[in-house]
Amino acid sequence: LAAKVLNDPKASALEKSLAGSVLSQFGTHNQTGAELQT
């Protein structure tokens, strides 16, 4: 879903920010930052 959002030119900035965070946490132990969590 996140990859589809990032490839969608109509996706909002919020959708793209959330999608980027989701993808950065795939296959890693990356954690959500405080700002994005809020």
All heavy atoms as atom14 arrays in JSON, in Angstrom:
{
  "sequence": "LAAKVLNDPKASALEKSLAGSVLSQFGTHNQTGAELQT",
  "atom14_mask": [
    [1, 1, 1, 1, 1, 1, 1, 1, 0, 0, 0, 0, 0, 0],
    [1, 1, 1, 1, 1, 0, 0, 0, 0, 0, 0, 0, 0, 0],
    [1, 1, 1, 1, 1, 0, 0, 0, 0, 0, 0, 0, 0, 0],
    [1, 1, 1, 1, 1, 1, 1, 1, 1, 0, 0, 0, 0, 0],
    [1, 1, 1, 1, 1, 1, 1, 0, 0, 0, 0, 0, 0, 0],
    [1, 1, 1, 1, 1, 1, 1, 1, 0, 0, 0, 0, 0, 0],
    [1, 1, 1, 1, 1, 1, 1, 1, 0, 0, 0, 0, 0, 0],
    [1, 1, 1, 1, 1, 1, 1, 1, 0, 0, 0, 0, 0, 0],
    [1, 1, 1, 1, 1, 1, 1, 0, 0, 0, 0, 0, 0, 0],
    [1, 1, 1, 1, 1, 1, 1, 1, 1, 0, 0, 0, 0, 0],
    [1, 1, 1, 1, 1, 0, 0, 0, 0, 0, 0, 0, 0, 0],
    [1, 1, 1, 1, 1, 1, 0, 0, 0, 0, 0, 0, 0, 0],
    [1, 1, 1, 1, 1, 0, 0, 0, 0, 0, 0, 0, 0, 0],
    [1, 1, 1, 1, 1, 1, 1, 1, 0, 0, 0, 0, 0, 0],
    [1, 1, 1, 1, 1, 1, 1, 1, 1, 0, 0, 0, 0, 0],
    [1, 1, 1, 1, 1, 1, 1, 1, 1, 0, 0, 0, 0, 0],
    [1, 1, 1, 1, 1, 1, 0, 0, 0, 0, 0, 0, 0, 0],
    [1, 1, 1, 1, 1, 1, 1, 1, 0, 0, 0, 0, 0, 0],
    [1, 1, 1, 1, 1, 0, 0, 0, 0, 0, 0, 0, 0, 0],
    [1, 1, 1, 1, 0, 0, 0, 0, 0, 0, 0, 0, 0, 0],
    [1, 1, 1, 1, 1, 1, 0, 0, 0, 0, 0, 0, 0, 0],
    [1, 1, 1, 1, 1, 1, 1, 0, 0, 0, 0, 0, 0, 0],
    [1, 1, 1, 1, 1, 1, 1, 1, 0, 0, 0, 0, 0, 0],
    [1, 1, 1, 1, 1, 1, 0, 0, 0, 0, 0, 0, 0, 0],
    [1, 1, 1, 1, 1, 1, 1, 1, 1, 0, 0, 0, 0, 0],
    [1, 1, 1, 1, 1, 1, 1, 1, 1, 1, 1, 0, 0, 0],
    [1, 1, 1, 1, 0, 0, 0, 0, 0, 0, 0, 0, 0, 0],
    [1, 1, 1, 1, 1, 1, 1, 0, 0, 0, 0, 0, 0, 0],
    [1, 1, 1, 1, 1, 1, 1, 1, 1, 1, 0, 0, 0, 0],
    [1, 1, 1, 1, 1, 1, 1, 1, 0, 0, 0, 0, 0, 0],
    [1, 1, 1, 1, 1, 1, 1, 1, 1, 0, 0, 0, 0, 0],
    [1, 1, 1, 1, 1, 1, 1, 0, 0, 0, 0, 0, 0, 0],
    [1, 1, 1, 1, 0, 0, 0, 0, 0, 0, 0, 0, 0, 0],
    [1, 1, 1, 1, 1, 0, 0, 0, 0, 0, 0, 0, 0, 0],
    [1, 1, 1, 1, 1, 1, 1, 1, 1, 0, 0, 0, 0, 0],
    [1, 1, 1, 1, 1, 1, 1, 1, 0, 0, 0, 0, 0, 0],
    [1, 1, 1, 1, 1, 1, 1, 1, 1, 0, 0, 0, 0, 0],
    [1, 1, 1, 1, 1, 1, 1, 0, 0, 0, 0, 0, 0, 0]
  ],
  "atom14_positions": [
    [[0.84, -1.21, 0.0], [0.0, 0.0, 0.0], [0.87, 1.26, 0.0], [0.62, 2.2, -0.76], [-0.92, 0.01, 1.21], [-1.77, 1.26, 1.42], [-2.73, 1.48, 0.25], [-2.51, 1.2, 2.73], [0.0, 0.0, 0.0], [0.0, 0.0, 0.0], [0.0, 0.0, 0.0], [0.0, 0.0, 0.0], [0.0, 0.0, 0.0], [0.0, 0.0, 0.0]],
    [[1.91, 1.26, 0.83], [2.8, 2.42, 0.91], [3.47, 2.7, -0.43], [3.59, 3.85, -0.86], [3.84, 2.21, 2.0], [0.0, 0.0, 0.0], [0.0, 0.0, 0.0], [0.0, 0.0, 0.0], [0.0, 0.0, 0.0], [0.0, 0.0, 0.0], [0.0, 0.0, 0.0], [0.0, 0.0, 0.0], [0.0, 0.0, 0.0], [0.0, 0.0, 0.0]],
    [[3.91, 1.65, -1.11], [4.56, 1.82, -2.41], [3.58, 2.4, -3.43], [3.95, 3.28, -4.23], [5.11, 0.48, -2.9], [0.0, 0.0, 0.0], [0.0, 0.0, 0.0], [0.0, 0.0, 0.0], [0.0, 0.0, 0.0], [0.0, 0.0, 0.0], [0.0, 0.0, 0.0], [0.0, 0.0, 0.0], [0.0, 0.0, 0.0], [0.0, 0.0, 0.0]],
    [[2.33, 1.95, -3.39], [1.32, 2.48, -4.31], [1.08, 3.97, -4.04], [0.95, 4.76, -4.97], [0.01, 1.71, -4.16], [0.07, 0.33, -4.76], [-1.25, -0.41, -4.57], [-1.16, -1.81, -5.13], [-2.41, -2.58, -4.93], [0.0, 0.0, 0.0], [0.0, 0.0, 0.0], [0.0, 0.0, 0.0], [0.0, 0.0, 0.0], [0.0, 0.0, 0.0]],
    [[1.04, 4.33, -2.76], [0.84, 5.74, -2.39], [1.98, 6.6, -2.91], [1.77, 7.67, -3.48], [0.69, 5.89, -0.86], [0.81, 7.35, -0.43], [-0.64, 5.31, -0.4], [0.0, 0.0, 0.0], [0.0, 0.0, 0.0], [0.0, 0.0, 0.0], [0.0, 0.0, 0.0], [0.0, 0.0, 0.0], [0.0, 0.0, 0.0], [0.0, 0.0, 0.0]],
    [[3.21, 6.13, -2.73], [4.36, 6.92, -3.17], [4.4, 7.07, -4.69], [4.96, 8.06, -5.2], [5.66, 6.3, -2.66], [5.9, 6.47, -1.16], [7.15, 5.7, -0.74], [6.02, 7.93, -0.79], [0.0, 0.0, 0.0], [0.0, 0.0, 0.0], [0.0, 0.0, 0.0], [0.0, 0.0, 0.0], [0.0, 0.0, 0.0], [0.0, 0.0, 0.0]],
    [[3.82, 6.13, -5.41], [3.79, 6.21, -6.87], [2.56, 6.92, -7.41], [2.44, 7.11, -8.61], [3.88, 4.8, -7.48], [5.27, 4.23, -7.36], [6.24, 4.88, -7.7], [5.36, 3.0, -6.86], [0.0, 0.0, 0.0], [0.0, 0.0, 0.0], [0.0, 0.0, 0.0], [0.0, 0.0, 0.0], [0.0, 0.0, 0.0], [0.0, 0.0, 0.0]],
    [[1.67, 7.32, -6.52], [0.44, 7.99, -6.93], [0.65, 9.51, -6.95], [0.84, 10.13, -5.9], [-0.68, 7.64, -5.95], [-2.01, 8.28, -6.31], [-2.08, 9.06, -7.29], [-3.0, 8.0, -5.58], [0.0, 0.0, 0.0], [0.0, 0.0, 0.0], [0.0, 0.0, 0.0], [0.0, 0.0, 0.0], [0.0, 0.0, 0.0], [0.0, 0.0, 0.0]],
    [[0.61, 10.13, -8.13], [0.83, 11.58, -8.19], [-0.26, 12.39, -7.49], [-0.07, 13.55, -7.17], [0.86, 11.88, -9.69], [0.19, 10.72, -10.35], [0.36, 9.54, -9.44], [0.0, 0.0, 0.0], [0.0, 0.0, 0.0], [0.0, 0.0, 0.0], [0.0, 0.0, 0.0], [0.0, 0.0, 0.0], [0.0, 0.0, 0.0], [0.0, 0.0, 0.0]],
    [[-1.41, 11.77, -7.21], [-2.5, 12.47, -6.54], [-2.47, 12.3, -5.02], [-3.3, 12.89, -4.33], [-3.84, 11.97, -7.07], [-4.05, 12.28, -8.54], [-5.37, 11.75, -9.02], [-5.55, 12.04, -10.51], [-6.81, 11.5, -11.04], [0.0, 0.0, 0.0], [0.0, 0.0, 0.0], [0.0, 0.0, 0.0], [0.0, 0.0, 0.0], [0.0, 0.0, 0.0]],
    [[-1.53, 11.53, -4.5], [-1.44, 11.3, -3.06], [-1.03, 12.6, -2.36], [-0.23, 13.38, -2.87], [-0.44, 10.21, -2.75], [0.0, 0.0, 0.0], [0.0, 0.0, 0.0], [0.0, 0.0, 0.0], [0.0, 0.0, 0.0], [0.0, 0.0, 0.0], [0.0, 0.0, 0.0], [0.0, 0.0, 0.0], [0.0, 0.0, 0.0], [0.0, 0.0, 0.0]],
    [[-1.6, 12.79, -1.17], [-1.3, 14.01, -0.4], [0.09, 13.91, 0.24], [0.68, 12.83, 0.33], [-2.35, 14.18, 0.7], [-2.2, 13.17, 1.69], [0.0, 0.0, 0.0], [0.0, 0.0, 0.0], [0.0, 0.0, 0.0], [0.0, 0.0, 0.0], [0.0, 0.0, 0.0], [0.0, 0.0, 0.0], [0.0, 0.0, 0.0], [0.0, 0.0, 0.0]],
    [[0.57, 15.04, 0.71], [1.86, 15.08, 1.39], [1.83, 14.21, 2.65], [2.8, 13.52, 2.97], [2.23, 16.51, 1.74], [0.0, 0.0, 0.0], [0.0, 0.0, 0.0], [0.0, 0.0, 0.0], [0.0, 0.0, 0.0], [0.0, 0.0, 0.0], [0.0, 0.0, 0.0], [0.0, 0.0, 0.0], [0.0, 0.0, 0.0], [0.0, 0.0, 0.0]],
    [[0.7, 14.22, 3.36], [0.56, 13.39, 4.55], [0.64, 11.92, 4.2], [1.36, 11.15, 4.86], [-0.77, 13.69, 5.25], [-1.12, 12.8, 6.45], [-0.04, 12.87, 7.52], [-2.49, 13.16, 7.0], [0.0, 0.0, 0.0], [0.0, 0.0, 0.0], [0.0, 0.0, 0.0], [0.0, 0.0, 0.0], [0.0, 0.0, 0.0], [0.0, 0.0, 0.0]],
    [[-0.08, 11.51, 3.16], [-0.03, 10.11, 2.73], [1.41, 9.71, 2.38], [1.87, 8.62, 2.75], [-0.94, 9.88, 1.52], [-2.4, 9.9, 1.85], [-3.28, 9.83, 0.62], [-3.0, 10.54, -0.38], [-4.26, 9.08, 0.65], [0.0, 0.0, 0.0], [0.0, 0.0, 0.0], [0.0, 0.0, 0.0], [0.0, 0.0, 0.0], [0.0, 0.0, 0.0]],
    [[2.1, 10.58, 1.67], [3.47, 10.26, 1.25], [4.43, 10.2, 2.44], [5.31, 9.35, 2.48], [3.96, 11.24, 0.19], [3.22, 11.03, -1.13], [3.82, 11.8, -2.26], [3.04, 11.47, -3.53], [3.85, 11.38, -4.7], [0.0, 0.0, 0.0], [0.0, 0.0, 0.0], [0.0, 0.0, 0.0], [0.0, 0.0, 0.0], [0.0, 0.0, 0.0]],
    [[4.25, 11.08, 3.41], [5.1, 11.05, 4.61], [4.89, 9.75, 5.38], [5.85, 9.09, 5.8], [4.79, 12.22, 5.53], [5.18, 13.42, 4.95], [0.0, 0.0, 0.0], [0.0, 0.0, 0.0], [0.0, 0.0, 0.0], [0.0, 0.0, 0.0], [0.0, 0.0, 0.0], [0.0, 0.0, 0.0], [0.0, 0.0, 0.0], [0.0, 0.0, 0.0]],
    [[3.64, 9.38, 5.57], [3.34, 8.14, 6.29], [3.84, 6.92, 5.51], [4.42, 6.0, 6.09], [1.83, 8.03, 6.54], [1.23, 9.07, 7.48], [-0.3, 8.98, 7.45], [1.75, 8.9, 8.89], [0.0, 0.0, 0.0], [0.0, 0.0, 0.0], [0.0, 0.0, 0.0], [0.0, 0.0, 0.0], [0.0, 0.0, 0.0], [0.0, 0.0, 0.0]],
    [[3.65, 6.95, 4.2], [4.1, 5.83, 3.37], [5.62, 5.68, 3.41], [6.14, 4.56, 3.49], [3.63, 6.03, 1.93], [0.0, 0.0, 0.0], [0.0, 0.0, 0.0], [0.0, 0.0, 0.0], [0.0, 0.0, 0.0], [0.0, 0.0, 0.0], [0.0, 0.0, 0.0], [0.0, 0.0, 0.0], [0.0, 0.0, 0.0], [0.0, 0.0, 0.0]],
    [[6.31, 6.79, 3.38], [7.78, 6.74, 3.46], [8.24, 6.14, 4.77], [9.19, 5.34, 4.81], [0.0, 0.0, 0.0], [0.0, 0.0, 0.0], [0.0, 0.0, 0.0], [0.0, 0.0, 0.0], [0.0, 0.0, 0.0], [0.0, 0.0, 0.0], [0.0, 0.0, 0.0], [0.0, 0.0, 0.0], [0.0, 0.0, 0.0], [0.0, 0.0, 0.0]],
    [[7.57, 6.48, 5.86], [7.92, 5.93, 7.15], [7.66, 4.43, 7.19], [8.49, 3.65, 7.68], [7.12, 6.62, 8.25], [7.45, 6.08, 9.51], [0.0, 0.0, 0.0], [0.0, 0.0, 0.0], [0.0, 0.0, 0.0], [0.0, 0.0, 0.0], [0.0, 0.0, 0.0], [0.0, 0.0, 0.0], [0.0, 0.0, 0.0], [0.0, 0.0, 0.0]],
    [[6.52, 4.01, 6.66], [6.2, 2.58, 6.61], [7.28, 1.82, 5.84], [7.77, 0.79, 6.3], [4.81, 2.36, 5.98], [4.6, 0.89, 5.62], [3.71, 2.84, 6.92], [0.0, 0.0, 0.0], [0.0, 0.0, 0.0], [0.0, 0.0, 0.0], [0.0, 0.0, 0.0], [0.0, 0.0, 0.0], [0.0, 0.0, 0.0], [0.0, 0.0, 0.0]],
    [[7.66, 2.33, 4.69], [8.67, 1.64, 3.89], [10.03, 1.62, 4.56], [10.77, 0.64, 4.43], [8.77, 2.27, 2.5], [7.6, 1.96, 1.56], [7.78, 2.68, 0.24], [7.46, 0.47, 1.34], [0.0, 0.0, 0.0], [0.0, 0.0, 0.0], [0.0, 0.0, 0.0], [0.0, 0.0, 0.0], [0.0, 0.0, 0.0], [0.0, 0.0, 0.0]],
    [[10.36, 2.66, 5.29], [11.67, 2.7, 5.97], [11.73, 1.67, 7.1], [12.8, 1.34, 7.58], [11.97, 4.09, 6.5], [11.24, 4.35, 7.68], [0.0, 0.0, 0.0], [0.0, 0.0, 0.0], [0.0, 0.0, 0.0], [0.0, 0.0, 0.0], [0.0, 0.0, 0.0], [0.0, 0.0, 0.0], [0.0, 0.0, 0.0], [0.0, 0.0, 0.0]],
    [[10.58, 1.18, 7.53], [10.53, 0.22, 8.63], [10.31, -1.2, 8.15], [10.1, -2.1, 8.96], [9.43, 0.64, 9.61], [9.74, 1.96, 10.26], [8.56, 2.56, 10.99], [7.49, 2.03, 11.01], [8.78, 3.71, 11.59], [0.0, 0.0, 0.0], [0.0, 0.0, 0.0], [0.0, 0.0, 0.0], [0.0, 0.0, 0.0], [0.0, 0.0, 0.0]],
    [[10.37, -1.42, 6.86], [10.2, -2.77, 6.32], [11.56, -3.46, 6.28], [12.5, -2.97, 5.68], [9.59, -2.72, 4.91], [9.4, -4.07, 4.28], [8.46, -4.95, 4.79], [10.17, -4.47, 3.2], [8.27, -6.2, 4.22], [9.99, -5.71, 2.63], [9.04, -6.57, 3.14], [0.0, 0.0, 0.0], [0.0, 0.0, 0.0], [0.0, 0.0, 0.0]],
    [[11.66, -4.59, 6.94], [12.89, -5.37, 6.93], [14.0, -4.77, 7.78], [15.15, -5.15, 7.65], [0.0, 0.0, 0.0], [0.0, 0.0, 0.0], [0.0, 0.0, 0.0], [0.0, 0.0, 0.0], [0.0, 0.0, 0.0], [0.0, 0.0, 0.0], [0.0, 0.0, 0.0], [0.0, 0.0, 0.0], [0.0, 0.0, 0.0], [0.0, 0.0, 0.0]],
    [[13.66, -3.8, 8.64], [14.65, -3.16, 9.5], [14.06, -3.03, 10.91], [12.9, -3.35, 11.13], [15.02, -1.75, 9.01], [13.89, -0.89, 9.22], [15.41, -1.74, 7.55], [0.0, 0.0, 0.0], [0.0, 0.0, 0.0], [0.0, 0.0, 0.0], [0.0, 0.0, 0.0], [0.0, 0.0, 0.0], [0.0, 0.0, 0.0], [0.0, 0.0, 0.0]],
    [[14.85, -2.52, 11.8], [14.36, -2.22, 13.14], [14.27, -0.71, 13.35], [14.33, -0.23, 14.48], [15.25, -2.86, 14.21], [15.19, -4.35, 14.2], [14.06, -5.04, 14.57], [16.09, -5.28, 13.84], [14.28, -6.34, 14.45], [15.5, -6.51, 14.01], [0.0, 0.0, 0.0], [0.0, 0.0, 0.0], [0.0, 0.0, 0.0], [0.0, 0.0, 0.0]],
    [[14.12, 0.04, 12.24], [13.94, 1.49, 12.35], [12.69, 1.78, 13.17], [11.72, 1.03, 13.12], [13.79, 2.13, 10.97], [15.06, 2.11, 10.18], [16.12, 1.84, 10.71], [14.96, 2.39, 8.89], [0.0, 0.0, 0.0], [0.0, 0.0, 0.0], [0.0, 0.0, 0.0], [0.0, 0.0, 0.0], [0.0, 0.0, 0.0], [0.0, 0.0, 0.0]],
    [[12.71, 2.88, 13.89], [11.58, 3.27, 14.72], [11.01, 4.59, 14.22], [11.71, 5.4, 13.64], [12.03, 3.42, 16.17], [12.56, 2.15, 16.76], [13.05, 2.36, 18.18], [12.54, 3.19, 18.89], [14.06, 1.61, 18.57], [0.0, 0.0, 0.0], [0.0, 0.0, 0.0], [0.0, 0.0, 0.0], [0.0, 0.0, 0.0], [0.0, 0.0, 0.0]],
    [[9.75, 4.78, 14.5], [9.09, 6.03, 14.15], [9.63, 7.17, 15.0], [9.75, 7.03, 16.21], [7.57, 5.9, 14.39], [7.06, 4.83, 13.59], [6.84, 7.19, 14.05], [0.0, 0.0, 0.0], [0.0, 0.0, 0.0], [0.0, 0.0, 0.0], [0.0, 0.0, 0.0], [0.0, 0.0, 0.0], [0.0, 0.0, 0.0], [0.0, 0.0, 0.0]],
    [[9.95, 8.29, 14.36], [10.41, 9.46, 15.1], [9.24, 10.14, 15.8], [8.08, 9.94, 15.46], [0.0, 0.0, 0.0], [0.0, 0.0, 0.0], [0.0, 0.0, 0.0], [0.0, 0.0, 0.0], [0.0, 0.0, 0.0], [0.0, 0.0, 0.0], [0.0, 0.0, 0.0], [0.0, 0.0, 0.0], [0.0, 0.0, 0.0], [0.0, 0.0, 0.0]],
    [[9.57, 10.96, 16.79], [8.55, 11.62, 17.6], [7.63, 12.5, 16.76], [6.41, 12.52, 16.96], [9.22, 12.44, 18.7], [0.0, 0.0, 0.0], [0.0, 0.0, 0.0], [0.0, 0.0, 0.0], [0.0, 0.0, 0.0], [0.0, 0.0, 0.0], [0.0, 0.0, 0.0], [0.0, 0.0, 0.0], [0.0, 0.0, 0.0], [0.0, 0.0, 0.0]],
    [[8.2, 13.24, 15.82], [7.39, 14.16, 15.01], [6.39, 13.39, 14.14], [5.22, 13.76, 14.07], [8.31, 15.01, 14.12], [7.58, 16.05, 13.32], [8.52, 16.92, 12.51], [9.63, 17.23, 12.98], [8.14, 17.29, 11.39], [0.0, 0.0, 0.0], [0.0, 0.0, 0.0], [0.0, 0.0, 0.0], [0.0, 0.0, 0.0], [0.0, 0.0, 0.0]],
    [[6.86, 12.33, 13.51], [5.96, 11.55, 12.66], [4.95, 10.78, 13.5], [3.8, 10.6, 13.09], [6.76, 10.59, 11.76], [6.0, 10.07, 10.55], [5.43, 11.21, 9.72], [6.89, 9.23, 9.69], [0.0, 0.0, 0.0], [0.0, 0.0, 0.0], [0.0, 0.0, 0.0], [0.0, 0.0, 0.0], [0.0, 0.0, 0.0], [0.0, 0.0, 0.0]],
    [[5.34, 10.36, 14.67], [4.4, 9.69, 15.58], [3.25, 10.64, 15.93], [2.09, 10.24, 15.94], [5.11, 9.24, 16.85], [4.17, 8.57, 17.84], [4.87, 8.2, 19.14], [6.09, 8.23, 19.23], [4.09, 7.84, 20.13], [0.0, 0.0, 0.0], [0.0, 0.0, 0.0], [0.0, 0.0, 0.0], [0.0, 0.0, 0.0], [0.0, 0.0, 0.0]],
    [[3.57, 11.89, 16.21], [2.54, 12.89, 16.54], [1.62, 13.12, 15.35], [0.4, 13.18, 15.49], [3.21, 14.21, 16.97], [4.03, 13.95, 18.11], [2.19, 15.28, 17.29], [0.0, 0.0, 0.0], [0.0, 0.0, 0.0], [0.0, 0.0, 0.0], [0.0, 0.0, 0.0], [0.0, 0.0, 0.0], [0.0, 0.0, 0.0], [0.0, 0.0, 0.0]]
  ]
}
